Amino acid sequence: MGAETFTHIATGGTVQDAFTNARYEAAWDYGHAGYTGTIAEKDSFVVIPDAPSNPKEAEAFAYKMIADDDDLISDKWGPAGAIALGNNTWLFFGWASS
């Protein structure tokens, strides 16, 4: 099995709520059978400190972490990255099994 990169923006009262919402949305959109290459495959996340909160800058920052194979988010079975965008909105990203 392979891996795909993903980004997903979601909202929630807490980062955990946003993560749960993101997983639900991805499973709804891409299926529940596993290996979707989306956040639906993740069961944890790590908040990335000092990341930009502007959505475009945050996405560029996330893709740089992916390209740099950053240890925090490089494992398709490990946690997703989470960047706070403000207003209870989060950008989740990383690698997922496909």
PDB file of N, CA and C in Angstrom:
ATOM      1  N   MET A   1       0.829  -1.173   0.000  1.00  0.00           N
ATOM      2  CA  MET A   1       0.000   0.000   0.000  1.00  0.00           C
ATOM      3  C   MET A   1       0.879   1.244   0.000  1.00  0.00           C
ATOM      4  N   GLY A   2       0.336   2.317  -0.579  1.00  0.00           N
ATOM      5  CA  GLY A   2       1.087   3.544  -0.703  1.00  0.00           C
ATOM      6  C   GLY A   2       0.652   4.593   0.293  1.00  0.00           C
ATOM      7  N   ALA A   3       1.013   5.823  -0.048  1.00  0.00           N
ATOM      8  CA  ALA A   3       0.654   6.958   0.794  1.00  0.00           C
ATOM      9  C   ALA A   3       0.404   8.164  -0.090  1.00  0.00           C
ATOM     10  N   GLU A   4      -0.474   9.023   0.380  1.00  0.00           N
ATOM     11  CA  GLU A   4      -0.809  10.276  -0.304  1.00  0.00           C
ATOM     12  C   GLU A   4      -0.681  11.414   0.691  1.00  0.00           C
ATOM     13  N   THR A   5      -0.362  12.593   0.196  1.00  0.00           N
ATOM     14  CA  THR A   5      -0.400  13.768   1.060  1.00  0.00           C
ATOM     15  C   THR A   5      -1.816  14.339   1.049  1.00  0.00           C
ATOM     16  N   PHE A   6      -2.156  15.018   2.121  1.00  0.00           N
ATOM     17  CA  PHE A   6      -3.480  15.623   2.211  1.00  0.00           C
ATOM     18  C   PHE A   6      -3.403  16.924   2.992  1.00  0.00           C
ATOM     19  N   THR A   7      -4.350  17.796   2.748  1.00  0.00           N
ATOM     20  CA  THR A   7      -4.650  18.926   3.612  1.00  0.00           C
ATOM     21  C   THR A   7      -6.159  18.947   3.786  1.00  0.00           C
ATOM     22  N   HIS A   8      -6.588  19.408   4.933  1.00  0.00           N
ATOM     23  CA  HIS A   8      -8.024  19.463   5.210  1.00  0.00           C
ATOM     24  C   HIS A   8      -8.269  20.567   6.230  1.00  0.00           C
ATOM     25  N   ILE A   9      -9.144  21.493   5.915  1.00  0.00           N
ATOM     26  CA  ILE A   9      -9.508  22.565   6.843  1.00  0.00           C
ATOM     27  C   ILE A   9     -10.828  22.199   7.492  1.00  0.00           C
ATOM     28  N   ALA A  10     -10.870  22.327   8.819  1.00  0.00           N
ATOM     29  CA  ALA A  10     -12.088  21.996   9.566  1.00  0.00           C
ATOM     30  C   ALA A  10     -12.216  22.927  10.764  1.00  0.00           C
ATOM     31  N   THR A  11     -13.435  23.045  11.248  1.00  0.00           N
ATOM     32  CA  THR A  11     -13.714  23.862  12.426  1.00  0.00           C
ATOM     33  C   THR A  11     -14.275  22.994  13.540  1.00  0.00           C
ATOM     34  N   GLY A  12     -14.165  23.507  14.749  1.00  0.00           N
ATOM     35  CA  GLY A  12     -14.713  22.836  15.913  1.00  0.00           C
ATOM     36  C   GLY A  12     -14.441  23.668  17.149  1.00  0.00           C
ATOM     37  N   GLY A  13     -15.153  23.400  18.211  1.00  0.00           N
ATOM     38  CA  GLY A  13     -14.969  24.151  19.449  1.00  0.00           C
ATOM     39  C   GLY A  13     -13.576  24.009  20.030  1.00  0.00           C
ATOM     40  N   THR A  14     -12.931  22.864  19.776  1.00  0.00           N
ATOM     41  CA  THR A  14     -11.544  22.607  20.183  1.00  0.00           C
ATOM     42  C   THR A  14     -10.826  21.992  18.986  1.00  0.00           C
ATOM     43  N   VAL A  15      -9.518  21.890  19.093  1.00  0.00           N
ATOM     44  CA  VAL A  15      -8.767  21.247  18.011  1.00  0.00           C
ATOM     45  C   VAL A  15      -9.197  19.783  17.875  1.00  0.00           C
ATOM     46  N   GLN A  16      -9.505  19.123  19.000  1.00  0.00           N
ATOM     47  CA  GLN A  16      -9.977  17.731  18.936  1.00  0.00           C
ATOM     48  C   GLN A  16     -11.309  17.649  18.203  1.00  0.00           C
ATOM     49  N   ASP A  17     -12.205  18.596  18.471  1.00  0.00           N
ATOM     50  CA  ASP A  17     -13.488  18.612  17.760  1.00  0.00           C
ATOM     51  C   ASP A  17     -13.282  18.832  16.270  1.00  0.00           C
ATOM     52  N   ALA A  18     -12.393  19.747  15.907  1.00  0.00           N
ATOM     53  CA  ALA A  18     -12.109  20.012  14.497  1.00  0.00           C
ATOM     54  C   ALA A  18     -11.515  18.771  13.830  1.00  0.00           C
ATOM     55  N   PHE A  19     -10.624  18.077  14.527  1.00  0.00           N
ATOM     56  CA  PHE A  19     -10.020  16.849  14.006  1.00  0.00           C
ATOM     57  C   PHE A  19     -11.090  15.785  13.771  1.00  0.00           C
ATOM     58  N   THR A  20     -11.968  15.610  14.724  1.00  0.00           N
ATOM     59  CA  THR A  20     -13.059  14.649  14.584  1.00  0.00           C
ATOM     60  C   THR A  20     -13.942  15.021  13.399  1.00  0.00           C
ATOM     61  N   ASN A  21     -14.258  16.304  13.271  1.00  0.00           N
ATOM     62  CA  ASN A  21     -15.074  16.765  12.142  1.00  0.00           C
ATOM     63  C   ASN A  21     -14.363  16.523  10.819  1.00  0.00           C
ATOM     64  N   ALA A  22     -13.064  16.785  10.762  1.00  0.00           N
ATOM     65  CA  ALA A  22     -12.294  16.576   9.533  1.00  0.00           C
ATOM     66  C   ALA A  22     -12.306  15.107   9.126  1.00  0.00           C
ATOM     67  N   ARG A  23     -12.103  14.217  10.085  1.00  0.00           N
ATOM     68  CA  ARG A  23     -12.112  12.779   9.793  1.00  0.00           C
ATOM     69  C   ARG A  23     -13.476  12.336   9.285  1.00  0.00           C
ATOM     70  N   TYR A  24     -14.532  12.840   9.922  1.00  0.00           N
ATOM     71  CA  TYR A  24     -15.892  12.501   9.509  1.00  0.00           C
ATOM     72  C   TYR A  24     -16.162  12.993   8.085  1.00  0.00           C
ATOM     73  N   GLU A  25     -15.792  14.252   7.812  1.00  0.00           N
ATOM     74  CA  GLU A  25     -16.002  14.823   6.471  1.00  0.00           C
ATOM     75  C   GLU A  25     -15.259  14.012   5.407  1.00  0.00           C
ATOM     76  N   ALA A  26     -14.000  13.663   5.681  1.00  0.00           N
ATOM     77  CA  ALA A  26     -13.209  12.910   4.706  1.00  0.00           C
ATOM     78  C   ALA A  26     -13.777  11.512   4.487  1.00  0.00           C
ATOM     79  N   ALA A  27     -14.199  10.860   5.558  1.00  0.00           N
ATOM     80  CA  ALA A  27     -14.792   9.527   5.413  1.00  0.00           C
ATOM     81  C   ALA A  27     -16.083   9.608   4.608  1.00  0.00           C
ATOM     82  N   TRP A  28     -16.856  10.644   4.840  1.00  0.00           N
ATOM     83  CA  TRP A  28     -18.101  10.838   4.092  1.00  0.00           C
ATOM     84  C   TRP A  28     -17.791  11.055   2.602  1.00  0.00           C
ATOM     85  N   ASP A  29     -16.778  11.873   2.323  1.00  0.00           N
ATOM     86  CA  ASP A  29     -16.445  12.210   0.934  1.00  0.00           C
ATOM     87  C   ASP A  29     -15.698  11.098   0.192  1.00  0.00           C
ATOM     88  N   TYR A  30     -14.852  10.330   0.901  1.00  0.00           N
ATOM     89  CA  TYR A  30     -13.963   9.378   0.235  1.00  0.00           C
ATOM     90  C   TYR A  30     -14.209   7.921   0.599  1.00  0.00           C
ATOM     91  N   GLY A  31     -15.138   7.661   1.488  1.00  0.00           N
ATOM     92  CA  GLY A  31     -15.472   6.291   1.833  1.00  0.00           C
ATOM     93  C   GLY A  31     -14.922   5.856   3.180  1.00  0.00           C
ATOM     94  N   HIS A  32     -15.479   4.761   3.659  1.00  0.00           N
ATOM     95  CA  HIS A  32     -15.139   4.241   4.980  1.00  0.00           C
ATOM     96  C   HIS A  32     -14.317   2.959   4.919  1.00  0.00           C
ATOM     97  N   ALA A  33     -13.864   2.577   3.750  1.00  0.00           N
ATOM     98  CA  ALA A  33     -13.197   1.285   3.582  1.00  0.00           C
ATOM     99  C   ALA A  33     -11.710   1.310   3.913  1.00  0.00           C
ATOM    100  N   GLY A  34     -11.160   2.474   4.225  1.00  0.00           N
ATOM    101  CA  GLY A  34      -9.733   2.556   4.536  1.00  0.00           C
ATOM    102  C   GLY A  34      -8.894   2.847   3.305  1.00  0.00           C
ATOM    103  N   TYR A  35      -7.645   3.213   3.556  1.00  0.00           N
ATOM    104  CA  TYR A  35      -6.675   3.491   2.498  1.00  0.00           C
ATOM    105  C   TYR A  35      -7.164   4.568   1.530  1.00  0.00           C
ATOM    106  N   THR A  36      -7.772   5.622   2.064  1.00  0.00           N
ATOM    107  CA  THR A  36      -8.306   6.703   1.228  1.00  0.00           C
ATOM    108  C   THR A  36      -7.275   7.775   0.904  1.00  0.00           C
ATOM    109  N   GLY A  37      -6.146   7.782   1.603  1.00  0.00           N
ATOM    110  CA  GLY A  37      -5.147   8.827   1.390  1.00  0.00           C
ATOM    111  C   GLY A  37      -5.585  10.170   1.960  1.00  0.00           C
ATOM    112  N   THR A  38      -6.512  10.139   2.929  1.00  0.00           N
ATOM    113  CA  THR A  38      -7.050  11.366   3.518  1.00  0.00           C
ATOM    114  C   THR A  38      -6.895  11.334   5.038  1.00  0.00           C
ATOM    115  N   ILE A  39      -7.309  12.409   5.656  1.00  0.00           N
ATOM    116  CA  ILE A  39      -7.272  12.485   7.119  1.00  0.00           C
ATOM    117  C   ILE A  39      -8.159  11.428   7.772  1.00  0.00           C
ATOM    118  N   ALA A  40      -9.064  10.837   7.011  1.00  0.00           N
ATOM    119  CA  ALA A  40      -9.906   9.771   7.563  1.00  0.00           C
ATOM    120  C   ALA A  40      -9.071   8.612   8.095  1.00  0.00           C
ATOM    121  N   GLU A  41      -7.849   8.461   7.601  1.00  0.00           N
ATOM    122  CA  GLU A  41      -6.966   7.368   8.019  1.00  0.00           C
ATOM    123  C   GLU A  41      -6.194   7.684   9.298  1.00  0.00           C
ATOM    124  N   LYS A  42      -6.264   8.904   9.771  1.00  0.00           N
ATOM    125  CA  LYS A  42      -5.479   9.320  10.940  1.00  0.00           C
ATOM    126  C   LYS A  42      -6.263   9.125  12.229  1.00  0.00           C
ATOM    127  N   ASP A  43      -5.557   8.804  13.299  1.00  0.00           N
ATOM    128  CA  ASP A  43      -6.216   8.703  14.599  1.00  0.00           C
ATOM    129  C   ASP A  43      -5.620   9.645  15.631  1.00  0.00           C
ATOM    130  N   SER A  44      -4.686  10.501  15.202  1.00  0.00           N
ATOM    131  CA  SER A  44      -4.113  11.480  16.113  1.00  0.00           C
ATOM    132  C   SER A  44      -3.558  12.652  15.311  1.00  0.00           C
ATOM    133  N   PHE A  45      -3.204  13.694  16.028  1.00  0.00           N
ATOM    134  CA  PHE A  45      -2.638  14.885  15.407  1.00  0.00           C
ATOM    135  C   PHE A  45      -1.623  15.501  16.359  1.00  0.00           C
ATOM    136  N   VAL A  46      -0.777  16.350  15.818  1.00  0.00           N
ATOM    137  CA  VAL A  46       0.173  17.120  16.609  1.00  0.00           C
ATOM    138  C   VAL A  46       0.032  18.583  16.183  1.00  0.00           C
ATOM    139  N   VAL A  47      -0.137  19.463  17.157  1.00  0.00           N
ATOM    140  CA  VAL A  47      -0.244  20.894  16.867  1.00  0.00           C
ATOM    141  C   VAL A  47       1.144  21.416  16.532  1.00  0.00           C
ATOM    142  N   ILE A  48       1.241  22.132  15.420  1.00  0.00           N
ATOM    143  CA  ILE A  48       2.519  22.687  14.969  1.00  0.00           C
ATOM    144  C   ILE A  48       2.640  24.106  15.533  1.00  0.00           C
ATOM    145  N   PRO A  49       3.592  24.319  16.446  1.00  0.00           N
ATOM    146  CA  PRO A  49       3.748  25.657  17.025  1.00  0.00           C
ATOM    147  C   PRO A  49       4.418  26.613  16.048  1.00  0.00           C
ATOM    148  N   ASP A  50       4.184  27.884  16.223  1.00  0.00           N
ATOM    149  CA  ASP A  50       4.855  28.941  15.449  1.00  0.00           C
ATOM    150  C   ASP A  50       4.598  28.876  13.950  1.00  0.00           C
ATOM    151  N   ALA A  51       3.512  28.252  13.537  1.00  0.00           N
ATOM    152  CA  ALA A  51       3.155  28.218  12.117  1.00  0.00           C
ATOM    153  C   ALA A  51       2.308  29.456  11.804  1.00  0.00           C
ATOM    154  N   PRO A  52       2.339  29.919  10.570  1.00  0.00           N
ATOM    155  CA  PRO A  52       1.513  31.082  10.216  1.00  0.00           C
ATOM    156  C   PRO A  52       0.023  30.747  10.282  1.00  0.00           C
ATOM    157  N   SER A  53      -0.790  31.741  10.621  1.00  0.00           N
ATOM    158  CA  SER A  53      -2.228  31.496  10.734  1.00  0.00           C
ATOM    159  C   SER A  53      -3.010  31.929   9.495  1.00  0.00           C
ATOM    160  N   ASN A  54      -2.354  32.635   8.578  1.00  0.00           N
ATOM    161  CA  ASN A  54      -2.984  32.980   7.306  1.00  0.00           C
ATOM    162  C   ASN A  54      -3.163  31.683   6.511  1.00  0.00           C
ATOM    163  N   PRO A  55      -4.365  31.397   6.010  1.00  0.00           N
ATOM    164  CA  PRO A  55      -4.592  30.101   5.346  1.00  0.00           C
ATOM    165  C   PRO A  55      -3.619  29.778   4.219  1.00  0.00           C
ATOM    166  N   LYS A  56      -3.341  30.727   3.334  1.00  0.00           N
ATOM    167  CA  LYS A  56      -2.410  30.435   2.226  1.00  0.00           C
ATOM    168  C   LYS A  56      -1.002  30.185   2.736  1.00  0.00           C
ATOM    169  N   GLU A  57      -0.557  30.996   3.702  1.00  0.00           N
ATOM    170  CA  GLU A  57       0.778  30.810   4.270  1.00  0.00           C
ATOM    171  C   GLU A  57       0.861  29.512   5.064  1.00  0.00           C
ATOM    172  N   ALA A  58      -0.211  29.183   5.772  1.00  0.00           N
ATOM    173  CA  ALA A  58      -0.234  27.940   6.542  1.00  0.00           C
ATOM    174  C   ALA A  58      -0.155  26.730   5.616  1.00  0.00           C
ATOM    175  N   GLU A  59      -0.875  26.781   4.498  1.00  0.00           N
ATOM    176  CA  GLU A  59      -0.826  25.670   3.553  1.00  0.00           C
ATOM    177  C   GLU A  59       0.576  25.535   2.949  1.00  0.00           C
ATOM    178  N   ALA A  60       1.209  26.646   2.602  1.00  0.00           N
ATOM    179  CA  ALA A  60       2.580  26.604   2.083  1.00  0.00           C
ATOM    180  C   ALA A  60       3.529  26.034   3.140  1.00  0.00           C
ATOM    181  N   PHE A  61       3.341  26.447   4.384  1.00  0.00           N
ATOM    182  CA  PHE A  61       4.151  25.942   5.498  1.00  0.00           C
ATOM    183  C   PHE A  61       3.962  24.426   5.635  1.00  0.00           C
ATOM    184  N   ALA A  62       2.717  23.970   5.550  1.00  0.00           N
ATOM    185  CA  ALA A  62       2.419  22.539   5.656  1.00  0.00           C
ATOM    186  C   ALA A  62       3.094  21.761   4.532  1.00  0.00           C
ATOM    187  N   TYR A  63       2.976  22.251   3.306  1.00  0.00           N
ATOM    188  CA  TYR A  63       3.594  21.539   2.178  1.00  0.00           C
ATOM    189  C   TYR A  63       5.114  21.549   2.271  1.00  0.00           C
ATOM    190  N   LYS A  64       5.691  22.586   2.873  1.00  0.00           N
ATOM    191  CA  LYS A  64       7.141  22.596   3.079  1.00  0.00           C
ATOM    192  C   LYS A  64       7.521  21.520   4.098  1.00  0.00           C
ATOM    193  N   MET A  65       6.736  21.387   5.168  1.00  0.00           N
ATOM    194  CA  MET A  65       7.016  20.326   6.142  1.00  0.00           C
ATOM    195  C   MET A  65       6.919  18.953   5.481  1.00  0.00           C
ATOM    196  N   ILE A  66       5.932  18.780   4.611  1.00  0.00           N
ATOM    197  CA  ILE A  66       5.788  17.512   3.891  1.00  0.00           C
ATOM    198  C   ILE A  66       7.000  17.282   2.989  1.00  0.00           C
ATOM    199  N   ALA A  67       7.369  18.295   2.211  1.00  0.00           N
ATOM    200  CA  ALA A  67       8.509  18.173   1.289  1.00  0.00           C
ATOM    201  C   ALA A  67       9.816  17.923   2.028  1.00  0.00           C
ATOM    202  N   ASP A  68       9.947  18.517   3.214  1.00  0.00           N
ATOM    203  CA  ASP A  68      11.163  18.337   4.016  1.00  0.00           C
ATOM    204  C   ASP A  68      11.159  17.021   4.790  1.00  0.00           C
ATOM    205  N   ASP A  69      10.093  16.235   4.659  1.00  0.00           N
ATOM    206  CA  ASP A  69       9.961  14.961   5.361  1.00  0.00           C
ATOM    207  C   ASP A  69      10.142  15.140   6.866  1.00  0.00           C
ATOM    208  N   ASP A  70       9.495  16.179   7.400  1.00  0.00           N
ATOM    209  CA  ASP A  70       9.603  16.513   8.815  1.00  0.00           C
ATOM    210  C   ASP A  70       9.134  15.338   9.674  1.00  0.00           C
ATOM    211  N   ASP A  71       9.923  14.996  10.675  1.00  0.00           N
ATOM    212  CA  ASP A  71       9.630  13.841  11.531  1.00  0.00           C
ATOM    213  C   ASP A  71       8.280  13.937  12.242  1.00  0.00           C
ATOM    214  N   LEU A  72       7.789  15.145  12.480  1.00  0.00           N
ATOM    215  CA  LEU A  72       6.513  15.296  13.185  1.00  0.00           C
ATOM    216  C   LEU A  72       5.335  14.727  12.396  1.00  0.00           C
ATOM    217  N   ILE A  73       5.424  14.756  11.056  1.00  0.00           N
ATOM    218  CA  ILE A  73       4.263  14.388  10.233  1.00  0.00           C
ATOM    219  C   ILE A  73       4.603  13.442   9.088  1.00  0.00           C
ATOM    220  N   SER A  74       5.791  12.884   9.066  1.00  0.00           N
ATOM    221  CA  SER A  74       6.239  12.123   7.890  1.00  0.00           C
ATOM    222  C   SER A  74       5.756  10.672   7.839  1.00  0.00           C
ATOM    223  N   ASP A  75       5.199  10.157   8.915  1.00  0.00           N
ATOM    224  CA  ASP A  75       4.773   8.758   8.956  1.00  0.00           C
ATOM    225  C   ASP A  75       3.304   8.640   8.537  1.00  0.00           C
ATOM    226  N   LYS A  76       3.037   7.840   7.515  1.00  0.00           N
ATOM    227  CA  LYS A  76       1.649   7.687   7.053  1.00  0.00           C
ATOM    228  C   LYS A  76       0.765   7.067   8.132  1.00  0.00           C
ATOM    229  N   TRP A  77       1.359   6.391   9.095  1.00  0.00           N
ATOM    230  CA  TRP A  77       0.597   5.814  10.211  1.00  0.00           C
ATOM    231  C   TRP A  77       0.662   6.704  11.447  1.00  0.00           C
ATOM    232  N   GLY A  78       1.444   7.758  11.407  1.00  0.00           N
ATOM    233  CA  GLY A  78       1.614   8.653  12.553  1.00  0.00           C
ATOM    234  C   GLY A  78       0.594   9.778  12.556  1.00  0.00           C
ATOM    235  N   PRO A  79       0.837  10.775  13.381  1.00  0.00           N
ATOM    236  CA  PRO A  79      -0.135  11.862  13.522  1.00  0.00           C
ATOM    237  C   PRO A  79      -0.169  12.801  12.321  1.00  0.00           C
ATOM    238  N   ALA A  80      -1.317  13.440  12.165  1.00  0.00           N
ATOM    239  CA  ALA A  80      -1.452  14.538  11.208  1.00  0.00           C
ATOM    240  C   ALA A  80      -0.895  15.795  11.862  1.00  0.00           C
ATOM    241  N   GLY A  81      -0.475  16.740  11.056  1.00  0.00           N
ATOM    242  CA  GLY A  81      -0.121  18.052  11.577  1.00  0.00           C
ATOM    243  C   GLY A  81      -1.383  18.887  11.709  1.00  0.00           C
ATOM    244  N   ALA A  82      -1.375  19.831  12.649  1.00  0.00           N
ATOM    245  CA  ALA A  82      -2.512  20.726  12.857  1.00  0.00           C
ATOM    246  C   ALA A  82      -2.000  22.148  13.042  1.00  0.00           C
ATOM    247  N   ILE A  83      -2.482  23.066  12.216  1.00  0.00           N
ATOM    248  CA  ILE A  83      -2.101  24.468  12.301  1.00  0.00           C
ATOM    249  C   ILE A  83      -3.356  25.290  12.584  1.00  0.00           C
ATOM    250  N   ALA A  84      -3.283  26.118  13.632  1.00  0.00           N
ATOM    251  CA  ALA A  84      -4.412  26.976  13.999  1.00  0.00           C
ATOM    252  C   ALA A  84      -4.534  28.121  12.999  1.00  0.00           C
ATOM    253  N   LEU A  85      -5.744  28.292  12.455  1.00  0.00           N
ATOM    254  CA  LEU A  85      -6.007  29.383  11.522  1.00  0.00           C
ATOM    255  C   LEU A  85      -6.843  30.486  12.174  1.00  0.00           C
ATOM    256  N   GLY A  86      -7.260  30.308  13.415  1.00  0.00           N
ATOM    257  CA  GLY A  86      -8.099  31.272  14.113  1.00  0.00           C
ATOM    258  C   GLY A  86      -9.568  30.928  13.964  1.00  0.00           C
ATOM    259  N   ASN A  87     -10.398  31.524  14.808  1.00  0.00           N
ATOM    260  CA  ASN A  87     -11.848  31.309  14.767  1.00  0.00           C
ATOM    261  C   ASN A  87     -12.229  29.832  14.818  1.00  0.00           C
ATOM    262  N   ASN A  88     -11.528  29.061  15.670  1.00  0.00           N
ATOM    263  CA  ASN A  88     -11.809  27.623  15.830  1.00  0.00           C
ATOM    264  C   ASN A  88     -11.648  26.847  14.534  1.00  0.00           C
ATOM    265  N   THR A  89     -10.774  27.319  13.662  1.00  0.00           N
ATOM    266  CA  THR A  89     -10.514  26.675  12.374  1.00  0.00           C
ATOM    267  C   THR A  89      -9.079  26.159  12.356  1.00  0.00           C
ATOM    268  N   TRP A  90      -8.911  24.965  11.835  1.00  0.00           N
ATOM    269  CA  TRP A  90      -7.603  24.303  11.812  1.00  0.00           C
ATOM    270  C   TRP A  90      -7.319  23.734  10.433  1.00  0.00           C
ATOM    271  N   LEU A  91      -6.046  23.782  10.066  1.00  0.00           N
ATOM    272  CA  LEU A  91      -5.557  23.111   8.861  1.00  0.00           C
ATOM    273  C   LEU A  91      -4.854  21.847   9.308  1.00  0.00           C
ATOM    274  N   PHE A  92      -5.360  20.704   8.875  1.00  0.00           N
ATOM    275  CA  PHE A  92      -4.734  19.414   9.148  1.00  0.00           C
ATOM    276  C   PHE A  92      -4.020  18.958   7.881  1.00  0.00           C
ATOM    277  N   PHE A  93      -2.895  18.290   8.030  1.00  0.00           N
ATOM    278  CA  PHE A  93      -2.110  17.905   6.850  1.00  0.00           C
ATOM    279  C   PHE A  93      -1.173  16.760   7.187  1.00  0.00           C
ATOM    280  N   GLY A  94      -0.616  16.170   6.142  1.00  0.00           N
ATOM    281  CA  GLY A  94       0.386  15.136   6.317  1.00  0.00           C
ATOM    282  C   GLY A  94       0.283  14.058   5.257  1.00  0.00           C
ATOM    283  N   TRP A  95       0.741  12.877   5.633  1.00  0.00           N
ATOM    284  CA  TRP A  95       0.693  11.691   4.793  1.00  0.00           C
ATOM    285  C   TRP A  95      -0.355  10.740   5.332  1.00  0.00           C
ATOM    286  N   ALA A  96      -1.053  10.039   4.454  1.00  0.00           N
ATOM    287  CA  ALA A  96      -2.043   9.048   4.870  1.00  0.00           C
ATOM    288  C   ALA A  96      -1.951   7.832   3.960  1.00  0.00           C
ATOM    289  N   SER A  97      -2.260   6.695   4.506  1.00  0.00           N
ATOM    290  CA  SER A  97      -2.193   5.454   3.727  1.00  0.00           C
ATOM    291  C   SER A  97      -3.224   5.463   2.606  1.00  0.00           C
ATOM    292  N   SER A  98      -2.798   4.915   1.475  1.00  0.00           N
ATOM    293  CA  SER A  98      -3.694   4.860   0.314  1.00  0.00           C
ATOM    294  C   SER A  98      -3.554   3.522  -0.394  1.00  0.00           C
TER     295      SER A  98
END
